Amino acid sequence: MKRYDLFYMFLEAWFTVERLTEKSIGCFQYDLKNYKHKTHEFNDYHAFYAYSMAVKRLGELEGALVPRPLDEWDEDMGDCLWWTFPIEEPPYCGSPLDCDFPDHVTHFTRLLLPLEVED
């Protein structure tokens, strides 16, 4: 099996994984999917805040991995990864404003930038 075959297998598996979070109404923007909270689960504010921030960030990262249709793209989003489904080739990286933007792509995902390295 060639390296790019493994790459495509990884991408297809990645896009079929279920989300761990779901949007929530209430005090959390996101919450863990199918999790039943217990009374007095958060005994202090720090535990509540840590849970809230961790689940919110996980929800945002999962949301960034959901492919969105071409017509939802806005130039304020900048360069994105552009996909054709089923995934049979690496994504195009750029924007529809590029002169060489491919005609066959149908969906995009936002680029996730790495966190800055602390010295």
Protein backbone atom coordinates (compact mmCIF):
# COMPACT_ATOMS: atom_id res chain seq x y z
CA MET A 1 0.00 0.00 0.00
CA LYS A 2 1.37 3.39 -0.97
CA ARG A 3 1.70 6.38 1.35
CA TYR A 4 -0.99 8.42 -0.43
CA ASP A 5 -3.43 5.48 -0.14
CA LEU A 6 -3.01 5.67 3.63
CA PHE A 7 -3.55 9.43 3.47
CA TYR A 8 -6.90 9.00 1.69
CA MET A 9 -7.95 6.23 4.07
CA PHE A 10 -7.14 8.50 7.01
CA LEU A 11 -9.16 11.40 5.54
CA GLU A 12 -12.21 9.25 4.86
CA ALA A 13 -12.05 7.80 8.37
CA TRP A 14 -11.61 11.27 9.85
CA PHE A 15 -14.72 12.64 8.16
CA THR A 16 -16.88 9.69 9.25
CA VAL A 17 -16.05 9.91 12.97
CA GLU A 18 -18.99 11.03 15.09
CA ARG A 19 -18.82 14.26 17.03
CA LEU A 20 -18.16 14.12 20.76
CA THR A 21 -20.00 17.40 21.35
CA GLU A 22 -23.31 18.97 20.47
CA LYS A 23 -24.52 22.57 20.56
CA SER A 24 -26.29 23.33 23.78
CA ILE A 25 -28.81 25.79 25.08
CA GLY A 26 -28.15 26.77 28.62
CA CYS A 27 -24.94 27.70 30.36
CA PHE A 28 -22.62 25.85 27.94
CA GLN A 29 -22.14 26.71 24.25
CA TYR A 30 -21.36 23.04 23.68
CA ASP A 31 -21.78 19.98 25.83
CA LEU A 32 -20.63 16.40 25.59
CA LYS A 33 -23.04 14.41 23.43
CA ASN A 34 -25.32 12.04 25.38
CA TYR A 35 -23.76 12.99 28.72
CA LYS A 36 -26.15 13.26 31.67
CA HIS A 37 -24.94 15.78 34.22
CA LYS A 38 -25.28 15.01 37.92
CA THR A 39 -26.32 17.36 40.70
CA HIS A 40 -23.32 19.04 42.37
CA GLU A 41 -21.04 17.73 39.64
CA PHE A 42 -19.05 20.95 39.69
CA ASN A 43 -18.23 21.62 43.34
CA ASP A 44 -16.42 24.86 42.61
CA TYR A 45 -16.22 27.51 39.94
CA HIS A 46 -12.77 26.40 38.72
CA ALA A 47 -14.01 22.89 37.89
CA PHE A 48 -17.05 24.34 36.11
CA TYR A 49 -14.94 26.85 34.16
CA ALA A 50 -12.32 24.25 33.14
CA TYR A 51 -15.03 21.87 31.88
CA SER A 52 -16.86 24.66 30.08
CA MET A 53 -13.75 25.96 28.29
CA ALA A 54 -12.46 22.49 27.35
CA VAL A 55 -15.78 21.34 25.90
CA LYS A 56 -16.29 24.68 24.12
CA ARG A 57 -12.87 24.41 22.44
CA LEU A 58 -13.48 20.77 21.47
CA GLY A 59 -16.84 21.76 19.97
CA GLU A 60 -15.24 24.57 17.98
CA LEU A 61 -12.51 22.27 16.65
CA GLU A 62 -15.05 19.61 15.69
CA GLY A 63 -17.14 22.27 13.96
CA ALA A 64 -14.13 23.35 11.91
CA LEU A 65 -13.84 19.81 10.54
CA VAL A 66 -17.37 19.72 9.15
CA PRO A 67 -17.21 20.27 5.36
CA ARG A 68 -19.27 23.27 4.25
CA PRO A 69 -20.68 23.84 0.75
CA LEU A 70 -18.92 26.18 -1.65
CA ASP A 71 -21.68 28.81 -1.51
CA GLU A 72 -21.11 29.37 2.25
CA TRP A 73 -17.54 30.59 1.63
CA ASP A 74 -16.88 34.30 2.19
CA GLU A 75 -13.68 36.13 1.27
CA ASP A 76 -13.20 37.06 4.94
CA MET A 77 -12.53 33.34 5.56
CA GLY A 78 -9.37 33.51 3.47
CA ASP A 79 -7.68 30.37 2.20
CA CYS A 80 -9.37 27.07 2.99
CA LEU A 81 -9.01 23.41 2.11
CA TRP A 82 -11.30 22.52 -0.81
CA TRP A 83 -12.66 18.99 -1.21
CA THR A 84 -14.53 16.82 -3.66
CA PHE A 85 -16.49 13.88 -2.26
CA PRO A 86 -15.81 11.04 -2.18
CA ILE A 87 -12.24 11.98 -1.31
CA GLU A 88 -10.01 10.69 -4.08
CA GLU A 89 -7.27 13.33 -4.14
CA PRO A 90 -5.61 15.77 -1.72
CA PRO A 91 -7.53 18.99 -1.09
CA TYR A 92 -6.83 22.20 -2.94
CA CYS A 93 -5.56 24.94 -0.60
CA GLY A 94 -6.59 28.44 -1.57
CA SER A 95 -9.70 30.50 -2.26
CA PRO A 96 -12.23 30.82 -5.09
CA LEU A 97 -10.53 34.13 -5.91
CA ASP A 98 -7.41 32.26 -7.10
CA CYS A 99 -6.92 32.25 -10.86
CA ASP A 100 -6.23 28.48 -10.79
CA PHE A 101 -9.16 27.56 -8.50
CA PRO A 102 -10.43 24.11 -9.58
CA ASP A 103 -13.96 23.70 -10.99
CA HIS A 104 -14.57 20.27 -9.43
CA VAL A 105 -14.40 21.13 -5.70
CA THR A 106 -17.69 21.30 -3.84
CA HIS A 107 -16.92 21.74 -0.12
CA PHE A 108 -14.38 23.44 2.11
CA THR A 109 -13.00 23.24 5.63
CA ARG A 110 -11.26 26.08 7.41
CA LEU A 111 -7.53 25.90 7.93
CA LEU A 112 -6.64 25.22 11.54
CA LEU A 113 -3.52 27.13 12.43
CA PRO A 114 -1.14 25.66 15.01
CA LEU A 115 -0.79 27.25 18.41
CA GLU A 116 2.25 29.42 18.90
CA VAL A 117 5.24 27.70 20.44
CA GLU A 118 6.26 29.04 23.81
CA ASP A 119 9.99 29.55 24.32
